[in-house]
Amino acid sequence: MAGVIQVGRPVNRTLDDGTMLEVTRLCTDGTPNACSFLYARAAIIARTLGYKKIITYIMDSETGASLRASGWQKEADTKGKPWNNGSRKRNTNTPTCDKQRWSKELN
């Protein structure tokens, strides 16, 4: 095994319309092209399951080369912020830096 990818419903509830999935984790052992392979395979499986779009977020410091290589396109820049707010106190253990949202249409 060279890597693993985790896909689920979009974390942002405003994007969770039932037609898209989100890659929430991707990890490899450094095998060349493993990231591109996993992104492409996730899109194929999502299409097979009837989804119309797949998205993921990467840190702003990343290039997105693996996503570009597997046919994804940069969709938006997002501002990082903690999940904590006045009505819901939450501890944030994930990076709160600015990120890029990438997507692939699954027509």
Protein backbone atom coordinates (compact mmCIF):
# COMPACT_ATOMS: atom_id res chain seq x y z
CA MET A 1 0.00 0.00 0.00
CA ALA A 2 1.35 3.41 -0.98
CA GLY A 3 -1.41 5.68 0.31
CA VAL A 4 -4.92 6.20 1.54
CA ILE A 5 -7.69 8.70 0.80
CA GLN A 6 -10.74 9.52 2.90
CA VAL A 7 -13.87 10.92 1.25
CA GLY A 8 -17.17 11.98 2.80
CA ARG A 9 -19.89 14.59 2.82
CA PRO A 10 -18.65 18.20 2.63
CA VAL A 11 -17.63 19.57 6.02
CA ASN A 12 -19.08 22.99 5.11
CA ARG A 13 -22.80 22.42 5.58
CA THR A 14 -23.69 25.09 3.01
CA LEU A 15 -21.98 22.94 0.36
CA ASP A 16 -23.62 19.70 1.52
CA ASP A 17 -26.41 19.58 -1.05
CA GLY A 18 -26.30 15.83 -1.68
CA THR A 19 -24.60 16.14 -5.07
CA MET A 20 -20.95 16.38 -4.00
CA LEU A 21 -18.32 14.69 -1.89
CA GLU A 22 -15.21 16.07 -0.20
CA VAL A 23 -11.75 14.56 0.13
CA THR A 24 -11.02 15.14 3.82
CA ARG A 25 -7.71 13.27 4.14
CA LEU A 26 -4.98 12.03 1.82
CA CYS A 27 -1.77 10.39 2.99
CA THR A 28 0.99 8.61 1.07
CA ASP A 29 4.40 7.15 1.80
CA GLY A 30 5.97 9.42 -0.83
CA THR A 31 5.55 7.04 -3.78
CA PRO A 32 5.72 9.12 -6.99
CA ASN A 33 2.30 10.03 -8.43
CA ALA A 34 0.41 8.34 -5.57
CA CYS A 35 -1.46 11.54 -4.68
CA SER A 36 -2.57 12.14 -8.28
CA PHE A 37 -3.64 8.50 -8.58
CA LEU A 38 -5.73 8.67 -5.40
CA TYR A 39 -7.41 11.97 -6.34
CA ALA A 40 -8.28 10.57 -9.79
CA ARG A 41 -9.56 7.28 -8.34
CA ALA A 42 -11.73 9.10 -5.77
CA ALA A 43 -13.33 11.13 -8.58
CA ILE A 44 -14.04 8.00 -10.63
CA ILE A 45 -15.68 6.27 -7.67
CA ALA A 46 -17.72 9.38 -6.80
CA ARG A 47 -18.98 9.57 -10.39
CA THR A 48 -19.86 5.87 -10.32
CA LEU A 49 -21.89 6.47 -7.15
CA GLY A 50 -23.86 9.22 -8.90
CA TYR A 51 -22.23 12.36 -7.46
CA LYS A 52 -21.85 15.44 -9.66
CA LYS A 53 -18.79 17.06 -8.07
CA ILE A 54 -15.89 16.35 -5.72
CA ILE A 55 -13.97 18.97 -3.73
CA THR A 56 -10.98 19.22 -1.42
CA TYR A 57 -9.01 21.87 0.42
CA ILE A 58 -5.25 22.32 0.52
CA MET A 59 -3.14 24.76 2.48
CA ASP A 60 -2.33 27.98 0.66
CA SER A 61 1.36 27.08 0.81
CA GLU A 62 0.82 23.94 -1.33
CA THR A 63 1.09 24.03 -5.14
CA GLY A 64 -1.82 21.78 -6.11
CA ALA A 65 0.35 19.90 -8.63
CA SER A 66 -1.23 16.52 -7.84
CA LEU A 67 -4.72 17.96 -8.19
CA ARG A 68 -3.89 19.64 -11.51
CA ALA A 69 -2.34 16.41 -12.77
CA SER A 70 -5.56 14.52 -12.05
CA GLY A 71 -7.83 17.06 -13.75
CA TRP A 72 -9.00 19.16 -10.79
CA GLN A 73 -9.29 22.95 -10.94
CA LYS A 74 -8.76 25.61 -8.31
CA GLU A 75 -12.18 26.94 -7.39
CA ALA A 76 -11.63 29.47 -4.58
CA ASP A 77 -9.34 30.86 -1.91
CA THR A 78 -10.71 30.59 1.62
CA LYS A 79 -9.72 32.46 4.77
CA GLY A 80 -8.64 30.36 7.69
CA LYS A 81 -10.47 30.72 10.98
CA PRO A 82 -11.09 28.65 14.10
CA TRP A 83 -14.33 26.70 14.48
CA ASN A 84 -14.92 28.37 17.84
CA ASN A 85 -17.60 31.08 17.98
CA GLY A 86 -19.76 32.80 20.59
CA SER A 87 -22.57 30.26 20.60
CA ARG A 88 -20.39 27.14 20.18
CA LYS A 89 -17.11 26.82 22.03
CA ARG A 90 -14.83 24.39 20.20
CA ASN A 91 -11.17 23.49 20.33
CA THR A 92 -9.50 23.61 16.92
CA ASN A 93 -6.83 20.95 16.38
CA THR A 94 -6.59 21.41 12.61
CA PRO A 95 -4.66 24.11 10.72
CA THR A 96 -6.56 27.41 10.61
CA CYS A 97 -4.39 28.95 7.87
CA ASP A 98 -5.74 30.22 4.53
CA LYS A 99 -6.63 27.40 2.13
CA GLN A 100 -7.49 26.76 -1.50
CA ARG A 101 -10.64 24.87 -2.54
CA TRP A 102 -10.18 22.60 -5.56
CA SER A 103 -12.93 20.73 -7.41
CA LYS A 104 -13.66 18.37 -10.24
CA GLU A 105 -16.95 18.19 -12.12
CA LEU A 106 -18.03 14.59 -12.56
CA ASN A 107 -20.27 14.83 -15.66
